[in-house]
Amino acid sequence: MGTVQSALRGTRRATNISISARLLDEARLLQVNISRAAEQGVAQATAERRAQLWLEENQAALESSNEYAERNGLPLARYRSF
């Protein structure tokens, strides 16, 4: 199960949000479940932010690994059969 889907499971808590009146009217007209749509949007934004933070926190290690591979080639390249 993906991160977004797992975030949608569990206990729900009421909250207040501000949303464009025009968007809210259209969503209601189209019978969109606003709570579910908001929850999915927050879950997606949370997953994206988590990924962004992981990349920022691990940037030095990723750069170091890439530099090593550029200088020395891939560590297991001799075992590749393609």
PDB file of N, CA and C in Angstrom:
ATOM      1  N   MET A   1       0.851  -1.173   0.000  1.00  0.00           N
ATOM      2  CA  MET A   1       0.000   0.000   0.000  1.00  0.00           C
ATOM      3  C   MET A   1       0.893   1.231   0.000  1.00  0.00           C
ATOM      4  N   GLY A   2       0.588   2.217  -0.832  1.00  0.00           N
ATOM      5  CA  GLY A   2       1.401   3.411  -0.943  1.00  0.00           C
ATOM      6  C   GLY A   2       1.276   4.315   0.275  1.00  0.00           C
ATOM      7  N   THR A   3       2.196   5.242   0.382  1.00  0.00           N
ATOM      8  CA  THR A   3       2.208   6.166   1.504  1.00  0.00           C
ATOM      9  C   THR A   3       0.934   6.983   1.577  1.00  0.00           C
ATOM     10  N   VAL A   4       0.471   7.456   0.436  1.00  0.00           N
ATOM     11  CA  VAL A   4      -0.743   8.267   0.412  1.00  0.00           C
ATOM     12  C   VAL A   4      -1.932   7.441   0.860  1.00  0.00           C
ATOM     13  N   GLN A   5      -2.058   6.227   0.356  1.00  0.00           N
ATOM     14  CA  GLN A   5      -3.186   5.384   0.733  1.00  0.00           C
ATOM     15  C   GLN A   5      -3.140   5.032   2.212  1.00  0.00           C
ATOM     16  N   SER A   6      -1.958   4.748   2.747  1.00  0.00           N
ATOM     17  CA  SER A   6      -1.881   4.400   4.165  1.00  0.00           C
ATOM     18  C   SER A   6      -2.201   5.609   5.040  1.00  0.00           C
ATOM     19  N   ALA A   7      -1.919   6.798   4.553  1.00  0.00           N
ATOM     20  CA  ALA A   7      -2.241   8.009   5.312  1.00  0.00           C
ATOM     21  C   ALA A   7      -3.742   8.238   5.385  1.00  0.00           C
ATOM     22  N   LEU A   8      -4.498   7.682   4.464  1.00  0.00           N
ATOM     23  CA  LEU A   8      -5.938   7.891   4.430  1.00  0.00           C
ATOM     24  C   LEU A   8      -6.691   6.950   5.355  1.00  0.00           C
ATOM     25  N   ARG A   9      -6.000   5.998   5.929  1.00  0.00           N
ATOM     26  CA  ARG A   9      -6.640   5.043   6.834  1.00  0.00           C
ATOM     27  C   ARG A   9      -6.540   5.580   8.259  1.00  0.00           C
ATOM     28  N   GLY A  10      -7.454   5.164   9.112  1.00  0.00           N
ATOM     29  CA  GLY A  10      -7.345   5.528  10.513  1.00  0.00           C
ATOM     30  C   GLY A  10      -8.414   6.497  10.954  1.00  0.00           C
ATOM     31  N   THR A  11      -8.244   6.984  12.167  1.00  0.00           N
ATOM     32  CA  THR A  11      -9.205   7.873  12.797  1.00  0.00           C
ATOM     33  C   THR A  11      -9.231   9.224  12.096  1.00  0.00           C
ATOM     34  N   ARG A  12     -10.412   9.756  11.976  1.00  0.00           N
ATOM     35  CA  ARG A  12     -10.564  11.069  11.355  1.00  0.00           C
ATOM     36  C   ARG A  12     -10.842  12.104  12.439  1.00  0.00           C
ATOM     37  N   ARG A  13     -10.404  13.327  12.186  1.00  0.00           N
ATOM     38  CA  ARG A  13     -10.614  14.416  13.113  1.00  0.00           C
ATOM     39  C   ARG A  13     -11.138  15.615  12.337  1.00  0.00           C
ATOM     40  N   ALA A  14     -12.149  16.264  12.853  1.00  0.00           N
ATOM     41  CA  ALA A  14     -12.727  17.438  12.199  1.00  0.00           C
ATOM     42  C   ALA A  14     -11.742  18.600  12.256  1.00  0.00           C
ATOM     43  N   THR A  15     -11.729  19.398  11.196  1.00  0.00           N
ATOM     44  CA  THR A  15     -10.879  20.580  11.137  1.00  0.00           C
ATOM     45  C   THR A  15     -11.556  21.613  10.258  1.00  0.00           C
ATOM     46  N   ASN A  16     -11.092  22.819  10.310  1.00  0.00           N
ATOM     47  CA  ASN A  16     -11.620  23.883   9.453  1.00  0.00           C
ATOM     48  C   ASN A  16     -10.570  24.238   8.414  1.00  0.00           C
ATOM     49  N   ILE A  17     -10.993  24.425   7.197  1.00  0.00           N
ATOM     50  CA  ILE A  17     -10.086  24.853   6.143  1.00  0.00           C
ATOM     51  C   ILE A  17     -10.732  26.011   5.390  1.00  0.00           C
ATOM     52  N   SER A  18      -9.912  26.796   4.743  1.00  0.00           N
ATOM     53  CA  SER A  18     -10.412  27.854   3.864  1.00  0.00           C
ATOM     54  C   SER A  18     -10.166  27.402   2.440  1.00  0.00           C
ATOM     55  N   ILE A  19     -11.168  27.596   1.596  1.00  0.00           N
ATOM     56  CA  ILE A  19     -11.085  27.155   0.212  1.00  0.00           C
ATOM     57  C   ILE A  19     -11.802  28.182  -0.651  1.00  0.00           C
ATOM     58  N   SER A  20     -11.365  28.317  -1.859  1.00  0.00           N
ATOM     59  CA  SER A  20     -11.998  29.246  -2.793  1.00  0.00           C
ATOM     60  C   SER A  20     -13.485  28.971  -2.881  1.00  0.00           C
ATOM     61  N   ALA A  21     -14.288  30.020  -2.768  1.00  0.00           N
ATOM     62  CA  ALA A  21     -15.750  29.871  -2.832  1.00  0.00           C
ATOM     63  C   ALA A  21     -16.169  29.276  -4.171  1.00  0.00           C
ATOM     64  N   ARG A  22     -15.545  29.712  -5.232  1.00  0.00           N
ATOM     65  CA  ARG A  22     -15.877  29.205  -6.570  1.00  0.00           C
ATOM     66  C   ARG A  22     -15.579  27.706  -6.671  1.00  0.00           C
ATOM     67  N   LEU A  23     -14.437  27.303  -6.156  1.00  0.00           N
ATOM     68  CA  LEU A  23     -14.064  25.887  -6.189  1.00  0.00           C
ATOM     69  C   LEU A  23     -15.009  25.056  -5.332  1.00  0.00           C
ATOM     70  N   LEU A  24     -15.339  25.566  -4.173  1.00  0.00           N
ATOM     71  CA  LEU A  24     -16.261  24.866  -3.281  1.00  0.00           C
ATOM     72  C   LEU A  24     -17.634  24.699  -3.929  1.00  0.00           C
ATOM     73  N   ASP A  25     -18.134  25.755  -4.559  1.00  0.00           N
ATOM     74  CA  ASP A  25     -19.431  25.679  -5.238  1.00  0.00           C
ATOM     75  C   ASP A  25     -19.409  24.638  -6.351  1.00  0.00           C
ATOM     76  N   GLU A  26     -18.328  24.631  -7.133  1.00  0.00           N
ATOM     77  CA  GLU A  26     -18.228  23.661  -8.234  1.00  0.00           C
ATOM     78  C   GLU A  26     -18.143  22.234  -7.706  1.00  0.00           C
ATOM     79  N   ALA A  27     -17.368  22.042  -6.652  1.00  0.00           N
ATOM     80  CA  ALA A  27     -17.236  20.706  -6.065  1.00  0.00           C
ATOM     81  C   ALA A  27     -18.591  20.209  -5.563  1.00  0.00           C
ATOM     82  N   ARG A  28     -19.328  21.075  -4.916  1.00  0.00           N
ATOM     83  CA  ARG A  28     -20.654  20.673  -4.435  1.00  0.00           C
ATOM     84  C   ARG A  28     -21.588  20.375  -5.597  1.00  0.00           C
ATOM     85  N   LEU A  29     -21.541  21.204  -6.635  1.00  0.00           N
ATOM     86  CA  LEU A  29     -22.370  20.981  -7.813  1.00  0.00           C
ATOM     87  C   LEU A  29     -22.072  19.623  -8.446  1.00  0.00           C
ATOM     88  N   LEU A  30     -20.797  19.244  -8.444  1.00  0.00           N
ATOM     89  CA  LEU A  30     -20.377  17.974  -9.037  1.00  0.00           C
ATOM     90  C   LEU A  30     -20.441  16.816  -8.050  1.00  0.00           C
ATOM     91  N   GLN A  31     -20.942  17.072  -6.857  1.00  0.00           N
ATOM     92  CA  GLN A  31     -21.104  16.073  -5.805  1.00  0.00           C
ATOM     93  C   GLN A  31     -19.780  15.419  -5.397  1.00  0.00           C
ATOM     94  N   VAL A  32     -18.756  16.244  -5.321  1.00  0.00           N
ATOM     95  CA  VAL A  32     -17.446  15.786  -4.856  1.00  0.00           C
ATOM     96  C   VAL A  32     -17.491  15.720  -3.336  1.00  0.00           C
ATOM     97  N   ASN A  33     -17.006  14.634  -2.768  1.00  0.00           N
ATOM     98  CA  ASN A  33     -16.883  14.516  -1.321  1.00  0.00           C
ATOM     99  C   ASN A  33     -15.711  15.404  -0.907  1.00  0.00           C
ATOM    100  N   ILE A  34     -16.033  16.572  -0.379  1.00  0.00           N
ATOM    101  CA  ILE A  34     -15.019  17.586  -0.100  1.00  0.00           C
ATOM    102  C   ILE A  34     -14.044  17.133   0.972  1.00  0.00           C
ATOM    103  N   SER A  35     -14.527  16.474   1.994  1.00  0.00           N
ATOM    104  CA  SER A  35     -13.631  15.987   3.047  1.00  0.00           C
ATOM    105  C   SER A  35     -12.631  14.980   2.492  1.00  0.00           C
ATOM    106  N   ARG A  36     -13.110  14.048   1.696  1.00  0.00           N
ATOM    107  CA  ARG A  36     -12.212  13.046   1.098  1.00  0.00           C
ATOM    108  C   ARG A  36     -11.225  13.688   0.135  1.00  0.00           C
ATOM    109  N   ALA A  37     -11.708  14.619  -0.678  1.00  0.00           N
ATOM    110  CA  ALA A  37     -10.828  15.288  -1.635  1.00  0.00           C
ATOM    111  C   ALA A  37      -9.744  16.077  -0.903  1.00  0.00           C
ATOM    112  N   ALA A  38     -10.130  16.774   0.161  1.00  0.00           N
ATOM    113  CA  ALA A  38      -9.145  17.528   0.945  1.00  0.00           C
ATOM    114  C   ALA A  38      -8.151  16.586   1.593  1.00  0.00           C
ATOM    115  N   GLU A  39      -8.644  15.487   2.125  1.00  0.00           N
ATOM    116  CA  GLU A  39      -7.771  14.511   2.764  1.00  0.00           C
ATOM    117  C   GLU A  39      -6.768  13.929   1.768  1.00  0.00           C
ATOM    118  N   GLN A  40      -7.232  13.612   0.585  1.00  0.00           N
ATOM    119  CA  GLN A  40      -6.325  13.083  -0.439  1.00  0.00           C
ATOM    120  C   GLN A  40      -5.293  14.126  -0.844  1.00  0.00           C
ATOM    121  N   GLY A  41      -5.723  15.378  -0.965  1.00  0.00           N
ATOM    122  CA  GLY A  41      -4.792  16.455  -1.320  1.00  0.00           C
ATOM    123  C   GLY A  41      -3.731  16.659  -0.255  1.00  0.00           C
ATOM    124  N   VAL A  42      -4.126  16.647   1.007  1.00  0.00           N
ATOM    125  CA  VAL A  42      -3.167  16.814   2.099  1.00  0.00           C
ATOM    126  C   VAL A  42      -2.223  15.614   2.164  1.00  0.00           C
ATOM    127  N   ALA A  43      -2.750  14.425   1.956  1.00  0.00           N
ATOM    128  CA  ALA A  43      -1.903  13.229   1.954  1.00  0.00           C
ATOM    129  C   ALA A  43      -0.869  13.292   0.835  1.00  0.00           C
ATOM    130  N   GLN A  44      -1.297  13.720  -0.340  1.00  0.00           N
ATOM    131  CA  GLN A  44      -0.370  13.832  -1.469  1.00  0.00           C
ATOM    132  C   GLN A  44       0.688  14.903  -1.208  1.00  0.00           C
ATOM    133  N   ALA A  45       0.264  16.052  -0.698  1.00  0.00           N
ATOM    134  CA  ALA A  45       1.211  17.132  -0.395  1.00  0.00           C
ATOM    135  C   ALA A  45       2.206  16.691   0.680  1.00  0.00           C
ATOM    136  N   THR A  46       1.737  15.930   1.657  1.00  0.00           N
ATOM    137  CA  THR A  46       2.603  15.427   2.714  1.00  0.00           C
ATOM    138  C   THR A  46       3.634  14.446   2.158  1.00  0.00           C
ATOM    139  N   ALA A  47       3.194  13.559   1.299  1.00  0.00           N
ATOM    140  CA  ALA A  47       4.117  12.590   0.692  1.00  0.00           C
ATOM    141  C   ALA A  47       5.169  13.301  -0.158  1.00  0.00           C
ATOM    142  N   GLU A  48       4.750  14.302  -0.930  1.00  0.00           N
ATOM    143  CA  GLU A  48       5.695  15.050  -1.760  1.00  0.00           C
ATOM    144  C   GLU A  48       6.707  15.800  -0.906  1.00  0.00           C
ATOM    145  N   ARG A  49       6.238  16.410   0.180  1.00  0.00           N
ATOM    146  CA  ARG A  49       7.141  17.156   1.063  1.00  0.00           C
ATOM    147  C   ARG A  49       8.115  16.216   1.757  1.00  0.00           C
ATOM    148  N   ARG A  50       7.618  15.049   2.183  1.00  0.00           N
ATOM    149  CA  ARG A  50       8.490  14.058   2.821  1.00  0.00           C
ATOM    150  C   ARG A  50       9.603  13.642   1.852  1.00  0.00           C
ATOM    151  N   ALA A  51       9.256  13.411   0.602  1.00  0.00           N
ATOM    152  CA  ALA A  51      10.255  13.027  -0.411  1.00  0.00           C
ATOM    153  C   ALA A  51      11.258  14.155  -0.634  1.00  0.00           C
ATOM    154  N   GLN A  52      10.761  15.388  -0.689  1.00  0.00           N
ATOM    155  CA  GLN A  52      11.644  16.542  -0.879  1.00  0.00           C
ATOM    156  C   GLN A  52      12.630  16.666   0.289  1.00  0.00           C
ATOM    157  N   LEU A  53      12.129  16.519   1.508  1.00  0.00           N
ATOM    158  CA  LEU A  53      13.006  16.601   2.677  1.00  0.00           C
ATOM    159  C   LEU A  53      14.038  15.477   2.676  1.00  0.00           C
ATOM    160  N   TRP A  54      13.631  14.267   2.268  1.00  0.00           N
ATOM    161  CA  TRP A  54      14.567  13.149   2.211  1.00  0.00           C
ATOM    162  C   TRP A  54      15.695  13.464   1.228  1.00  0.00           C
ATOM    163  N   LEU A  55      15.335  14.005   0.072  1.00  0.00           N
ATOM    164  CA  LEU A  55      16.358  14.352  -0.921  1.00  0.00           C
ATOM    165  C   LEU A  55      17.308  15.420  -0.382  1.00  0.00           C
ATOM    166  N   GLU A  56      16.754  16.422   0.295  1.00  0.00           N
ATOM    167  CA  GLU A  56      17.591  17.478   0.863  1.00  0.00           C
ATOM    168  C   GLU A  56      18.532  16.904   1.924  1.00  0.00           C
ATOM    169  N   GLU A  57      18.016  16.043   2.793  1.00  0.00           N
ATOM    170  CA  GLU A  57      18.817  15.467   3.868  1.00  0.00           C
ATOM    171  C   GLU A  57      19.889  14.520   3.343  1.00  0.00           C
ATOM    172  N   ASN A  58      19.652  13.899   2.228  1.00  0.00           N
ATOM    173  CA  ASN A  58      20.577  12.898   1.692  1.00  0.00           C
ATOM    174  C   ASN A  58      21.342  13.379   0.467  1.00  0.00           C
ATOM    175  N   GLN A  59      21.253  14.656   0.150  1.00  0.00           N
ATOM    176  CA  GLN A  59      21.895  15.188  -1.041  1.00  0.00           C
ATOM    177  C   GLN A  59      23.404  14.960  -1.045  1.00  0.00           C
ATOM    178  N   ALA A  60      24.053  15.187   0.081  1.00  0.00           N
ATOM    179  CA  ALA A  60      25.510  15.017   0.139  1.00  0.00           C
ATOM    180  C   ALA A  60      25.899  13.566  -0.133  1.00  0.00           C
ATOM    181  N   ALA A  61      25.170  12.623   0.439  1.00  0.00           N
ATOM    182  CA  ALA A  61      25.480  11.209   0.220  1.00  0.00           C
ATOM    183  C   ALA A  61      25.233  10.820  -1.233  1.00  0.00           C
ATOM    184  N   LEU A  62      24.157  11.324  -1.816  1.00  0.00           N
ATOM    185  CA  LEU A  62      23.864  11.013  -3.220  1.00  0.00           C
ATOM    186  C   LEU A  62      24.946  11.582  -4.136  1.00  0.00           C
ATOM    187  N   GLU A  63      25.362  12.805  -3.877  1.00  0.00           N
ATOM    188  CA  GLU A  63      26.417  13.415  -4.690  1.00  0.00           C
ATOM    189  C   GLU A  63      27.720  12.657  -4.540  1.00  0.00           C
ATOM    190  N   SER A  64      28.048  12.251  -3.327  1.00  0.00           N
ATOM    191  CA  SER A  64      29.267  11.493  -3.083  1.00  0.00           C
ATOM    192  C   SER A  64      29.245  10.160  -3.827  1.00  0.00           C
ATOM    193  N   SER A  65      28.123   9.500  -3.772  1.00  0.00           N
ATOM    194  CA  SER A  65      27.985   8.221  -4.466  1.00  0.00           C
ATOM    195  C   SER A  65      28.102   8.403  -5.980  1.00  0.00           C
ATOM    196  N   ASN A  66      27.484   9.438  -6.493  1.00  0.00           N
ATOM    197  CA  ASN A  66      27.563   9.704  -7.940  1.00  0.00           C
ATOM    198  C   ASN A  66      28.983  10.050  -8.361  1.00  0.00           C
ATOM    199  N   GLU A  67      29.680  10.842  -7.545  1.00  0.00           N
ATOM    200  CA  GLU A  67      31.064  11.191  -7.857  1.00  0.00           C
ATOM    201  C   GLU A  67      31.947   9.949  -7.855  1.00  0.00           C
ATOM    202  N   TYR A  68      31.742   9.057  -6.894  1.00  0.00           N
ATOM    203  CA  TYR A  68      32.508   7.814  -6.836  1.00  0.00           C
ATOM    204  C   TYR A  68      32.284   7.001  -8.103  1.00  0.00           C
ATOM    205  N   ALA A  69      31.025   6.865  -8.509  1.00  0.00           N
ATOM    206  CA  ALA A  69      30.713   6.078  -9.707  1.00  0.00           C
ATOM    207  C   ALA A  69      31.312   6.718 -10.952  1.00  0.00           C
ATOM    208  N   GLU A  70      31.339   8.043 -11.017  1.00  0.00           N
ATOM    209  CA  GLU A  70      31.941   8.716 -12.176  1.00  0.00           C
ATOM    210  C   GLU A  70      33.446   8.484 -12.225  1.00  0.00           C
ATOM    211  N   ARG A  71      34.101   8.511 -11.066  1.00  0.00           N
ATOM    212  CA  ARG A  71      35.553   8.308 -11.008  1.00  0.00           C
ATOM    213  C   ARG A  71      35.950   6.853 -11.197  1.00  0.00           C
ATOM    214  N   ASN A  72      35.192   5.942 -10.595  1.00  0.00           N
ATOM    215  CA  ASN A  72      35.611   4.546 -10.520  1.00  0.00           C
ATOM    216  C   ASN A  72      34.710   3.571 -11.273  1.00  0.00           C
ATOM    217  N   GLY A  73      33.627   4.066 -11.840  1.00  0.00           N
ATOM    218  CA  GLY A  73      32.669   3.179 -12.474  1.00  0.00           C
ATOM    219  C   GLY A  73      31.748   2.564 -11.431  1.00  0.00           C
ATOM    220  N   LEU A  74      30.771   1.834 -11.887  1.00  0.00           N
ATOM    221  CA  LEU A  74      29.828   1.193 -10.967  1.00  0.00           C
ATOM    222  C   LEU A  74      30.529   0.070 -10.219  1.00  0.00           C
ATOM    223  N   PRO A  75      30.297  -0.033  -8.915  1.00  0.00           N
ATOM    224  CA  PRO A  75      31.026  -1.019  -8.104  1.00  0.00           C
ATOM    225  C   PRO A  75      30.865  -2.465  -8.584  1.00  0.00           C
ATOM    226  N   LEU A  76      29.732  -2.850  -9.100  1.00  0.00           N
ATOM    227  CA  LEU A  76      29.489  -4.233  -9.515  1.00  0.00           C
ATOM    228  C   LEU A  76      29.385  -4.370 -11.036  1.00  0.00           C
ATOM    229  N   ALA A  77      29.932  -3.409 -11.758  1.00  0.00           N
ATOM    230  CA  ALA A  77      29.798  -3.392 -13.225  1.00  0.00           C
ATOM    231  C   ALA A  77      30.371  -4.652 -13.859  1.00  0.00           C
ATOM    232  N   ARG A  78      31.408  -5.219 -13.291  1.00  0.00           N
ATOM    233  CA  ARG A  78      32.026  -6.403 -13.917  1.00  0.00           C
ATOM    234  C   ARG A  78      31.103  -7.615 -13.906  1.00  0.00           C
ATOM    235  N   TYR A  79      30.078  -7.594 -13.064  1.00  0.00           N
ATOM    236  CA  TYR A  79      29.122  -8.717 -12.985  1.00  0.00           C
ATOM    237  C   TYR A  79      27.911  -8.533 -13.888  1.00  0.00           C
ATOM    238  N   ARG A  80      27.827  -7.400 -14.550  1.00  0.00           N
ATOM    239  CA  ARG A  80      26.678  -7.157 -15.439  1.00  0.00           C
ATOM    240  C   ARG A  80      26.783  -8.038 -16.664  1.00  0.00           C
ATOM    241  N   SER A  81      25.657  -8.570 -17.072  1.00  0.00           N
ATOM    242  CA  SER A  81      25.649  -9.442 -18.255  1.00  0.00           C
ATOM    243  C   SER A  81      25.009  -8.768 -19.459  1.00  0.00           C
ATOM    244  N   PHE A  82      24.767  -7.492 -19.369  1.00  0.00           N
ATOM    245  CA  PHE A  82      24.158  -6.763 -20.491  1.00  0.00           C
ATOM    246  C   PHE A  82      24.950  -5.534 -20.838  1.00  0.00           C
TER     247      PHE A  82
END
